[in-house]
PDB file of N, CA and C in Angstrom:
ATOM      1  N   MET A   1       4.705  29.860 -13.866  1.00  0.00           N
ATOM      2  CA  MET A   1       4.215  28.577 -14.304  1.00  0.00           C
ATOM      3  C   MET A   1       5.248  27.476 -14.079  1.00  0.00           C
ATOM      4  N   ASP A   2       6.516  27.805 -14.263  1.00  0.00           N
ATOM      5  CA  ASP A   2       7.568  26.817 -14.046  1.00  0.00           C
ATOM      6  C   ASP A   2       7.673  26.419 -12.577  1.00  0.00           C
ATOM      7  N   ILE A   3       7.361  27.338 -11.698  1.00  0.00           N
ATOM      8  CA  ILE A   3       7.421  27.039 -10.264  1.00  0.00           C
ATOM      9  C   ILE A   3       6.365  26.006  -9.902  1.00  0.00           C
ATOM     10  N   ILE A   4       5.186  26.118 -10.482  1.00  0.00           N
ATOM     11  CA  ILE A   4       4.113  25.164 -10.201  1.00  0.00           C
ATOM     12  C   ILE A   4       4.492  23.773 -10.693  1.00  0.00           C
ATOM     13  N   LEU A   5       5.061  23.693 -11.878  1.00  0.00           N
ATOM     14  CA  LEU A   5       5.498  22.397 -12.392  1.00  0.00           C
ATOM     15  C   LEU A   5       6.612  21.802 -11.543  1.00  0.00           C
ATOM     16  N   GLU A   6       7.506  22.649 -11.080  1.00  0.00           N
ATOM     17  CA  GLU A   6       8.590  22.176 -10.223  1.00  0.00           C
ATOM     18  C   GLU A   6       8.049  21.665  -8.885  1.00  0.00           C
ATOM     19  N   LEU A   7       7.055  22.348  -8.319  1.00  0.00           N
ATOM     20  CA  LEU A   7       6.451  21.898  -7.068  1.00  0.00           C
ATOM     21  C   LEU A   7       5.720  20.575  -7.254  1.00  0.00           C
ATOM     22  N   ARG A   8       5.046  20.402  -8.374  1.00  0.00           N
ATOM     23  CA  ARG A   8       4.375  19.129  -8.648  1.00  0.00           C
ATOM     24  C   ARG A   8       5.390  17.998  -8.750  1.00  0.00           C
ATOM     25  N   PHE A   9       6.502  18.260  -9.396  1.00  0.00           N
ATOM     26  CA  PHE A   9       7.531  17.245  -9.526  1.00  0.00           C
ATOM     27  C   PHE A   9       8.114  16.886  -8.158  1.00  0.00           C
ATOM     28  N   ILE A  10       8.318  17.880  -7.329  1.00  0.00           N
ATOM     29  CA  ILE A  10       8.851  17.636  -5.978  1.00  0.00           C
ATOM     30  C   ILE A  10       7.871  16.827  -5.149  1.00  0.00           C
ATOM     31  N   MET A  11       6.582  17.144  -5.258  1.00  0.00           N
ATOM     32  CA  MET A  11       5.567  16.411  -4.504  1.00  0.00           C
ATOM     33  C   MET A  11       5.478  14.958  -4.986  1.00  0.00           C
ATOM     34  N   LEU A  12       5.579  14.737  -6.284  1.00  0.00           N
ATOM     35  CA  LEU A  12       5.557  13.383  -6.819  1.00  0.00           C
ATOM     36  C   LEU A  12       6.776  12.601  -6.346  1.00  0.00           C
ATOM     37  N   GLN A  13       7.918  13.230  -6.321  1.00  0.00           N
ATOM     38  CA  GLN A  13       9.135  12.573  -5.831  1.00  0.00           C
ATOM     39  C   GLN A  13       9.001  12.219  -4.358  1.00  0.00           C
ATOM     40  N   ALA A  14       8.448  13.134  -3.572  1.00  0.00           N
ATOM     41  CA  ALA A  14       8.257  12.856  -2.145  1.00  0.00           C
ATOM     42  C   ALA A  14       7.301  11.684  -1.947  1.00  0.00           C
ATOM     43  N   LEU A  15       6.252  11.634  -2.748  1.00  0.00           N
ATOM     44  CA  LEU A  15       5.300  10.530  -2.657  1.00  0.00           C
ATOM     45  C   LEU A  15       5.966   9.216  -3.042  1.00  0.00           C
ATOM     46  N   LEU A  16       6.742   9.229  -4.098  1.00  0.00           N
ATOM     47  CA  LEU A  16       7.416   8.002  -4.524  1.00  0.00           C
ATOM     48  C   LEU A  16       8.407   7.506  -3.480  1.00  0.00           C
ATOM     49  N   TYR A  17       9.110   8.404  -2.826  1.00  0.00           N
ATOM     50  CA  TYR A  17      10.092   7.987  -1.833  1.00  0.00           C
ATOM     51  C   TYR A  17       9.438   7.554  -0.524  1.00  0.00           C
ATOM     52  N   ALA A  18       8.305   8.123  -0.178  1.00  0.00           N
ATOM     53  CA  ALA A  18       7.662   7.816   1.096  1.00  0.00           C
ATOM     54  C   ALA A  18       6.750   6.593   1.024  1.00  0.00           C
ATOM     55  N   PHE A  19       6.193   6.306  -0.135  1.00  0.00           N
ATOM     56  CA  PHE A  19       5.176   5.271  -0.228  1.00  0.00           C
ATOM     57  C   PHE A  19       5.668   3.867   0.132  1.00  0.00           C
ATOM     58  N   PRO A  20       6.866   3.440  -0.265  1.00  0.00           N
ATOM     59  CA  PRO A  20       7.319   2.110   0.184  1.00  0.00           C
ATOM     60  C   PRO A  20       7.430   1.996   1.706  1.00  0.00           C
ATOM     61  N   SER A  21       7.865   3.056   2.359  1.00  0.00           N
ATOM     62  CA  SER A  21       7.944   3.031   3.824  1.00  0.00           C
ATOM     63  C   SER A  21       6.559   2.938   4.445  1.00  0.00           C
ATOM     64  N   ILE A  22       5.606   3.640   3.863  1.00  0.00           N
ATOM     65  CA  ILE A  22       4.222   3.569   4.345  1.00  0.00           C
ATOM     66  C   ILE A  22       3.677   2.153   4.171  1.00  0.00           C
ATOM     67  N   LEU A  23       4.001   1.516   3.066  1.00  0.00           N
ATOM     68  CA  LEU A  23       3.546   0.140   2.838  1.00  0.00           C
ATOM     69  C   LEU A  23       4.144  -0.836   3.848  1.00  0.00           C
ATOM     70  N   VAL A  24       5.406  -0.641   4.204  1.00  0.00           N
ATOM     71  CA  VAL A  24       6.026  -1.509   5.211  1.00  0.00           C
ATOM     72  C   VAL A  24       5.325  -1.329   6.555  1.00  0.00           C
ATOM     73  N   ILE A  25       5.049  -0.087   6.929  1.00  0.00           N
ATOM     74  CA  ILE A  25       4.356   0.177   8.191  1.00  0.00           C
ATOM     75  C   ILE A  25       2.962  -0.431   8.173  1.00  0.00           C
ATOM     76  N   LEU A  26       2.250  -0.295   7.060  1.00  0.00           N
ATOM     77  CA  LEU A  26       0.915  -0.866   6.933  1.00  0.00           C
ATOM     78  C   LEU A  26       0.960  -2.393   6.998  1.00  0.00           C
ATOM     79  N   ALA A  27       1.939  -3.005   6.354  1.00  0.00           N
ATOM     80  CA  ALA A  27       2.065  -4.468   6.398  1.00  0.00           C
ATOM     81  C   ALA A  27       2.346  -4.952   7.817  1.00  0.00           C
ATOM     82  N   LEU A  28       3.234  -4.261   8.514  1.00  0.00           N
ATOM     83  CA  LEU A  28       3.522  -4.642   9.901  1.00  0.00           C
ATOM     84  C   LEU A  28       2.309  -4.454  10.803  1.00  0.00           C
ATOM     85  N   TYR A  29       1.548  -3.388  10.560  1.00  0.00           N
ATOM     86  CA  TYR A  29       0.333  -3.141  11.335  1.00  0.00           C
ATOM     87  C   TYR A  29      -0.678  -4.263  11.109  1.00  0.00           C
ATOM     88  N   ILE A  30      -0.905  -4.626   9.872  1.00  0.00           N
ATOM     89  CA  ILE A  30      -1.866  -5.685   9.563  1.00  0.00           C
ATOM     90  C   ILE A  30      -1.407  -7.009  10.162  1.00  0.00           C
ATOM     91  N   PHE A  31      -0.125  -7.312  10.053  1.00  0.00           N
ATOM     92  CA  PHE A  31       0.388  -8.570  10.588  1.00  0.00           C
ATOM     93  C   PHE A  31       0.322  -8.603  12.112  1.00  0.00           C
ATOM     94  N   TYR A  32       0.658  -7.495  12.760  1.00  0.00           N
ATOM     95  CA  TYR A  32       0.685  -7.459  14.217  1.00  0.00           C
ATOM     96  C   TYR A  32      -0.725  -7.496  14.807  1.00  0.00           C
ATOM     97  N   PHE A  33      -1.678  -6.809  14.184  1.00  0.00           N
ATOM     98  CA  PHE A  33      -3.034  -6.725  14.713  1.00  0.00           C
ATOM     99  C   PHE A  33      -4.014  -7.626  13.964  1.00  0.00           C
ATOM    100  N   ARG A  34      -3.537  -8.725  13.399  1.00  0.00           N
ATOM    101  CA  ARG A  34      -4.423  -9.577  12.605  1.00  0.00           C
ATOM    102  C   ARG A  34      -5.499 -10.249  13.440  1.00  0.00           C
ATOM    103  N   HIS A  35      -5.215 -10.570  14.702  1.00  0.00           N
ATOM    104  CA  HIS A  35      -6.237 -11.185  15.554  1.00  0.00           C
ATOM    105  C   HIS A  35      -7.351 -10.178  15.877  1.00  0.00           C
ATOM    106  N   SER A  36      -6.980  -8.959  16.147  1.00  0.00           N
ATOM    107  CA  SER A  36      -7.989  -7.923  16.396  1.00  0.00           C
ATOM    108  C   SER A  36      -8.813  -7.638  15.148  1.00  0.00           C
ATOM    109  N   LEU A  37      -8.145  -7.611  13.999  1.00  0.00           N
ATOM    110  CA  LEU A  37      -8.867  -7.404  12.743  1.00  0.00           C
ATOM    111  C   LEU A  37      -9.797  -8.571  12.444  1.00  0.00           C
ATOM    112  N   GLN A  38      -9.385  -9.774  12.811  1.00  0.00           N
ATOM    113  CA  GLN A  38     -10.243 -10.936  12.609  1.00  0.00           C
ATOM    114  C   GLN A  38     -11.514 -10.821  13.442  1.00  0.00           C
ATOM    115  N   LYS A  39     -11.377 -10.385  14.692  1.00  0.00           N
ATOM    116  CA  LYS A  39     -12.554 -10.198  15.541  1.00  0.00           C
ATOM    117  C   LYS A  39     -13.426  -9.058  15.035  1.00  0.00           C
ATOM    118  N   LEU A  40     -12.794  -7.967  14.595  1.00  0.00           N
ATOM    119  CA  LEU A  40     -13.543  -6.812  14.120  1.00  0.00           C
ATOM    120  C   LEU A  40     -14.347  -7.141  12.866  1.00  0.00           C
ATOM    121  N   LEU A  41     -13.722  -7.842  11.933  1.00  0.00           N
ATOM    122  CA  LEU A  41     -14.391  -8.181  10.676  1.00  0.00           C
ATOM    123  C   LEU A  41     -15.181  -9.482  10.747  1.00  0.00           C
ATOM    124  N   LYS A  42     -15.084 -10.179  11.882  1.00  0.00           N
ATOM    125  CA  LYS A  42     -15.800 -11.435  12.113  1.00  0.00           C
ATOM    126  C   LYS A  42     -15.492 -12.468  11.028  1.00  0.00           C
ATOM    127  N   LEU A  43     -14.210 -12.661  10.799  1.00  0.00           N
ATOM    128  CA  LEU A  43     -13.760 -13.641   9.813  1.00  0.00           C
ATOM    129  C   LEU A  43     -13.247 -14.882  10.530  1.00  0.00           C
ATOM    130  N   GLN A  44     -13.296 -16.004   9.842  1.00  0.00           N
ATOM    131  CA  GLN A  44     -12.880 -17.272  10.424  1.00  0.00           C
ATOM    132  C   GLN A  44     -11.393 -17.564  10.231  1.00  0.00           C
ATOM    133  N   ASP A  45     -10.819 -17.038   9.162  1.00  0.00           N
ATOM    134  CA  ASP A  45      -9.468 -17.433   8.771  1.00  0.00           C
ATOM    135  C   ASP A  45      -8.505 -16.249   8.848  1.00  0.00           C
ATOM    136  N   LEU A  46      -7.314 -16.503   9.377  1.00  0.00           N
ATOM    137  CA  LEU A  46      -6.282 -15.468   9.471  1.00  0.00           C
ATOM    138  C   LEU A  46      -5.421 -15.381   8.213  1.00  0.00           C
ATOM    139  N   ARG A  47      -5.535 -16.337   7.325  1.00  0.00           N
ATOM    140  CA  ARG A  47      -4.652 -16.365   6.160  1.00  0.00           C
ATOM    141  C   ARG A  47      -4.816 -15.140   5.270  1.00  0.00           C
ATOM    142  N   ILE A  48      -6.027 -14.583   5.210  1.00  0.00           N
ATOM    143  CA  ILE A  48      -6.238 -13.413   4.355  1.00  0.00           C
ATOM    144  C   ILE A  48      -5.409 -12.233   4.844  1.00  0.00           C
ATOM    145  N   PHE A  49      -5.297 -12.076   6.167  1.00  0.00           N
ATOM    146  CA  PHE A  49      -4.498 -10.976   6.705  1.00  0.00           C
ATOM    147  C   PHE A  49      -3.013 -11.206   6.470  1.00  0.00           C
ATOM    148  N   ASN A  50      -2.584 -12.460   6.601  1.00  0.00           N
ATOM    149  CA  ASN A  50      -1.188 -12.773   6.302  1.00  0.00           C
ATOM    150  C   ASN A  50      -0.877 -12.509   4.830  1.00  0.00           C
ATOM    151  N   LEU A  51      -1.813 -12.861   3.960  1.00  0.00           N
ATOM    152  CA  LEU A  51      -1.623 -12.645   2.528  1.00  0.00           C
ATOM    153  C   LEU A  51      -1.573 -11.156   2.186  1.00  0.00           C
ATOM    154  N   ILE A  52      -2.473 -10.377   2.762  1.00  0.00           N
ATOM    155  CA  ILE A  52      -2.481  -8.928   2.504  1.00  0.00           C
ATOM    156  C   ILE A  52      -1.202  -8.283   3.036  1.00  0.00           C
ATOM    157  N   ALA A  53      -0.786  -8.671   4.240  1.00  0.00           N
ATOM    158  CA  ALA A  53       0.442  -8.110   4.810  1.00  0.00           C
ATOM    159  C   ALA A  53       1.656  -8.487   3.963  1.00  0.00           C
ATOM    160  N   LEU A  54       1.719  -9.726   3.528  1.00  0.00           N
ATOM    161  CA  LEU A  54       2.838 -10.160   2.690  1.00  0.00           C
ATOM    162  C   LEU A  54       2.833  -9.433   1.349  1.00  0.00           C
ATOM    163  N   THR A  55       1.646  -9.238   0.769  1.00  0.00           N
ATOM    164  CA  THR A  55       1.549  -8.520  -0.499  1.00  0.00           C
ATOM    165  C   THR A  55       2.036  -7.089  -0.352  1.00  0.00           C
ATOM    166  N   PHE A  56       1.602  -6.399   0.691  1.00  0.00           N
ATOM    167  CA  PHE A  56       2.056  -5.026   0.918  1.00  0.00           C
ATOM    168  C   PHE A  56       3.563  -4.973   1.141  1.00  0.00           C
ATOM    169  N   PHE A  57       4.091  -5.935   1.892  1.00  0.00           N
ATOM    170  CA  PHE A  57       5.529  -5.947   2.163  1.00  0.00           C
ATOM    171  C   PHE A  57       6.336  -6.187   0.889  1.00  0.00           C
ATOM    172  N   LEU A  58       5.885  -7.137   0.066  1.00  0.00           N
ATOM    173  CA  LEU A  58       6.599  -7.410  -1.185  1.00  0.00           C
ATOM    174  C   LEU A  58       6.501  -6.235  -2.160  1.00  0.00           C
ATOM    175  N   LEU A  59       5.343  -5.571  -2.187  1.00  0.00           N
ATOM    176  CA  LEU A  59       5.223  -4.369  -3.023  1.00  0.00           C
ATOM    177  C   LEU A  59       6.122  -3.247  -2.515  1.00  0.00           C
ATOM    178  N   ALA A  60       6.302  -3.167  -1.204  1.00  0.00           N
ATOM    179  CA  ALA A  60       7.211  -2.157  -0.653  1.00  0.00           C
ATOM    180  C   ALA A  60       8.650  -2.444  -1.066  1.00  0.00           C
ATOM    181  N   ILE A  61       9.045  -3.705  -1.003  1.00  0.00           N
ATOM    182  CA  ILE A  61      10.399  -4.063  -1.430  1.00  0.00           C
ATOM    183  C   ILE A  61      10.587  -3.756  -2.912  1.00  0.00           C
ATOM    184  N   LEU A  62       9.585  -4.083  -3.724  1.00  0.00           N
ATOM    185  CA  LEU A  62       9.653  -3.751  -5.143  1.00  0.00           C
ATOM    186  C   LEU A  62       9.781  -2.243  -5.348  1.00  0.00           C
ATOM    187  N   GLY A  63       9.039  -1.464  -4.562  1.00  0.00           N
ATOM    188  CA  GLY A  63       9.128  -0.005  -4.657  1.00  0.00           C
ATOM    189  C   GLY A  63      10.516   0.502  -4.297  1.00  0.00           C
ATOM    190  N   PHE A  64      11.097  -0.044  -3.227  1.00  0.00           N
ATOM    191  CA  PHE A  64      12.458   0.355  -2.852  1.00  0.00           C
ATOM    192  C   PHE A  64      13.459   0.029  -3.965  1.00  0.00           C
ATOM    193  N   VAL A  65      13.300  -1.138  -4.583  1.00  0.00           N
ATOM    194  CA  VAL A  65      14.216  -1.540  -5.659  1.00  0.00           C
ATOM    195  C   VAL A  65      14.059  -0.621  -6.866  1.00  0.00           C
ATOM    196  N   LEU A  66      12.810  -0.321  -7.248  1.00  0.00           N
ATOM    197  CA  LEU A  66      12.583   0.558  -8.396  1.00  0.00           C
ATOM    198  C   LEU A  66      13.137   1.957  -8.154  1.00  0.00           C
ATOM    199  N   ILE A  67      12.995   2.444  -6.931  1.00  0.00           N
ATOM    200  CA  ILE A  67      13.531   3.763  -6.614  1.00  0.00           C
ATOM    201  C   ILE A  67      15.060   3.729  -6.613  1.00  0.00           C
ATOM    202  N   TYR A  68      15.629   2.659  -6.067  1.00  0.00           N
ATOM    203  CA  TYR A  68      17.087   2.541  -6.038  1.00  0.00           C
ATOM    204  C   TYR A  68      17.669   2.495  -7.451  1.00  0.00           C
ATOM    205  N   LEU A  69      16.986   1.780  -8.343  1.00  0.00           N
ATOM    206  CA  LEU A  69      17.456   1.682  -9.723  1.00  0.00           C
ATOM    207  C   LEU A  69      17.065   2.889 -10.569  1.00  0.00           C
ATOM    208  N   GLN A  70      16.284   3.793  -9.993  1.00  0.00           N
ATOM    209  CA  GLN A  70      15.837   5.034 -10.633  1.00  0.00           C
ATOM    210  C   GLN A  70      15.105   4.766 -11.947  1.00  0.00           C
ATOM    211  N   LEU A  71      14.171   3.831 -11.907  1.00  0.00           N
ATOM    212  CA  LEU A  71      13.323   3.529 -13.052  1.00  0.00           C
ATOM    213  C   LEU A  71      12.029   4.329 -12.902  1.00  0.00           C
ATOM    214  N   LYS A  72      11.997   5.497 -13.473  1.00  0.00           N
ATOM    215  CA  LYS A  72      10.894   6.446 -13.258  1.00  0.00           C
ATOM    216  C   LYS A  72       9.555   5.918 -13.777  1.00  0.00           C
ATOM    217  N   VAL A  73       9.528   5.406 -15.005  1.00  0.00           N
ATOM    218  CA  VAL A  73       8.260   4.951 -15.586  1.00  0.00           C
ATOM    219  C   VAL A  73       7.716   3.756 -14.806  1.00  0.00           C
ATOM    220  N   TRP A  74       8.582   2.814 -14.484  1.00  0.00           N
ATOM    221  CA  TRP A  74       8.138   1.646 -13.728  1.00  0.00           C
ATOM    222  C   TRP A  74       7.728   2.028 -12.313  1.00  0.00           C
ATOM    223  N   SER A  75       8.355   3.041 -11.743  1.00  0.00           N
ATOM    224  CA  SER A  75       7.950   3.515 -10.421  1.00  0.00           C
ATOM    225  C   SER A  75       6.548   4.105 -10.446  1.00  0.00           C
ATOM    226  N   LEU A  76       6.232   4.828 -11.503  1.00  0.00           N
ATOM    227  CA  LEU A  76       4.877   5.378 -11.624  1.00  0.00           C
ATOM    228  C   LEU A  76       3.842   4.274 -11.839  1.00  0.00           C
ATOM    229  N   ILE A  77       4.182   3.274 -12.642  1.00  0.00           N
ATOM    230  CA  ILE A  77       3.283   2.134 -12.829  1.00  0.00           C
ATOM    231  C   ILE A  77       3.093   1.406 -11.506  1.00  0.00           C
ATOM    232  N   TRP A  78       4.169   1.229 -10.760  1.00  0.00           N
ATOM    233  CA  TRP A  78       4.105   0.594  -9.447  1.00  0.00           C
ATOM    234  C   TRP A  78       3.194   1.382  -8.508  1.00  0.00           C
ATOM    235  N   LEU A  79       3.302   2.687  -8.530  1.00  0.00           N
ATOM    236  CA  LEU A  79       2.482   3.535  -7.673  1.00  0.00           C
ATOM    237  C   LEU A  79       0.998   3.375  -8.003  1.00  0.00           C
ATOM    238  N   VAL A  80       0.657   3.337  -9.272  1.00  0.00           N
ATOM    239  CA  VAL A  80      -0.741   3.151  -9.681  1.00  0.00           C
ATOM    240  C   VAL A  80      -1.255   1.779  -9.248  1.00  0.00           C
ATOM    241  N   VAL A  81      -0.448   0.745  -9.423  1.00  0.00           N
ATOM    242  CA  VAL A  81      -0.853  -0.609  -9.018  1.00  0.00           C
ATOM    243  C   VAL A  81      -1.081  -0.677  -7.511  1.00  0.00           C
ATOM    244  N   VAL A  82      -0.212  -0.067  -6.744  1.00  0.00           N
ATOM    245  CA  VAL A  82      -0.364  -0.066  -5.285  1.00  0.00           C
ATOM    246  C   VAL A  82      -1.622   0.690  -4.874  1.00  0.00           C
ATOM    247  N   LEU A  83      -1.884   1.811  -5.501  1.00  0.00           N
ATOM    248  CA  LEU A  83      -3.096   2.563  -5.173  1.00  0.00           C
ATOM    249  C   LEU A  83      -4.358   1.776  -5.525  1.00  0.00           C
ATOM    250  N   ILE A  84      -4.343   1.060  -6.627  1.00  0.00           N
ATOM    251  CA  ILE A  84      -5.489   0.210  -6.989  1.00  0.00           C
ATOM    252  C   ILE A  84      -5.660  -0.914  -5.963  1.00  0.00           C
ATOM    253  N   LEU A  85      -4.559  -1.529  -5.530  1.00  0.00           N
ATOM    254  CA  LEU A  85      -4.635  -2.589  -4.532  1.00  0.00           C
ATOM    255  C   LEU A  85      -5.199  -2.070  -3.210  1.00  0.00           C
ATOM    256  N   ILE A  86      -4.730  -0.922  -2.761  1.00  0.00           N
ATOM    257  CA  ILE A  86      -5.229  -0.358  -1.510  1.00  0.00           C
ATOM    258  C   ILE A  86      -6.711  -0.021  -1.630  1.00  0.00           C
ATOM    259  N   THR A  87      -7.124   0.476  -2.783  1.00  0.00           N
ATOM    260  CA  THR A  87      -8.545   0.759  -3.001  1.00  0.00           C
ATOM    261  C   THR A  87      -9.371  -0.514  -2.947  1.00  0.00           C
ATOM    262  N   MET A  88      -8.890  -1.575  -3.575  1.00  0.00           N
ATOM    263  CA  MET A  88      -9.625  -2.838  -3.556  1.00  0.00           C
ATOM    264  C   MET A  88      -9.731  -3.404  -2.150  1.00  0.00           C
ATOM    265  N   VAL A  89      -8.673  -3.337  -1.376  1.00  0.00           N
ATOM    266  CA  VAL A  89      -8.711  -3.828   0.004  1.00  0.00           C
ATOM    267  C   VAL A  89      -9.669  -2.975   0.838  1.00  0.00           C
ATOM    268  N   SER A  90      -9.661  -1.671   0.638  1.00  0.00           N
ATOM    269  CA  SER A  90     -10.572  -0.790   1.374  1.00  0.00           C
ATOM    270  C   SER A  90     -12.026  -1.088   1.040  1.00  0.00           C
ATOM    271  N   VAL A  91     -12.328  -1.291  -0.223  1.00  0.00           N
ATOM    272  CA  VAL A  91     -13.696  -1.624  -0.631  1.00  0.00           C
ATOM    273  C   VAL A  91     -14.108  -2.975  -0.061  1.00  0.00           C
ATOM    274  N   LEU A  92     -13.205  -3.933  -0.077  1.00  0.00           N
ATOM    275  CA  LEU A  92     -13.484  -5.249   0.488  1.00  0.00           C
ATOM    276  C   LEU A  92     -13.812  -5.150   1.979  1.00  0.00           C
ATOM    277  N   ILE A  93     -13.028  -4.391   2.710  1.00  0.00           N
ATOM    278  CA  ILE A  93     -13.277  -4.213   4.148  1.00  0.00           C
ATOM    279  C   ILE A  93     -14.585  -3.475   4.380  1.00  0.00           C
ATOM    280  N   TYR A  94     -14.877  -2.477   3.557  1.00  0.00           N
ATOM    281  CA  TYR A  94     -16.125  -1.728   3.701  1.00  0.00           C
ATOM    282  C   TYR A  94     -17.329  -2.647   3.524  1.00  0.00           C
ATOM    283  N   PHE A  95     -17.334  -3.456   2.474  1.00  0.00           N
ATOM    284  CA  PHE A  95     -18.464  -4.326   2.235  1.00  0.00           C
ATOM    285  C   PHE A  95     -18.556  -5.447   3.265  1.00  0.00           C
ATOM    286  N   THR A  96     -17.420  -5.884   3.796  1.00  0.00           N
ATOM    287  CA  THR A  96     -17.438  -6.889   4.855  1.00  0.00           C
ATOM    288  C   THR A  96     -18.066  -6.312   6.112  1.00  0.00           C
ATOM    289  N   LEU A  97     -17.691  -5.099   6.481  1.00  0.00           N
ATOM    290  CA  LEU A  97     -18.281  -4.462   7.658  1.00  0.00           C
ATOM    291  C   LEU A  97     -19.758  -4.135   7.443  1.00  0.00           C
ATOM    292  N   LYS A  98     -20.107  -3.757   6.241  1.00  0.00           N
ATOM    293  CA  LYS A  98     -21.496  -3.419   5.947  1.00  0.00           C
ATOM    294  C   LYS A  98     -22.404  -4.649   5.989  1.00  0.00           C
ATOM    295  N   SER A  99     -21.870  -5.805   5.615  1.00  0.00           N
ATOM    296  CA  SER A  99     -22.675  -7.014   5.613  1.00  0.00           C
ATOM    297  C   SER A  99     -22.976  -7.535   7.023  1.00  0.00           C
ATOM    298  N   HIS A 100     -22.153  -7.150   7.975  1.00  0.00           N
ATOM    299  CA  HIS A 100     -22.388  -7.588   9.357  1.00  0.00           C
ATOM    300  C   HIS A 100     -23.278  -6.592  10.012  1.00  0.00           C
TER     301      HIS A 100
END
């Protein structure tokens, strides 16, 4: 039983350490391909993509800082907030594509 708990802790640590890097990659992807995303989603304004990319990048920096300072509780809260944000963006994109 202790081995299972230890593996869960290791997996959570790996997720916490990897997630800020994933957010940076996602922010760069959104920023670099914003014109293609604008055509795909048939939107008029590019500011939404800049805002989403900036939000992901700032959350990644916050994640790196929380991990560096080893604030475990705040890191878990940060992880939940980021997952909620990604879910909201995914739902927004889904409904935008569905409406077209």
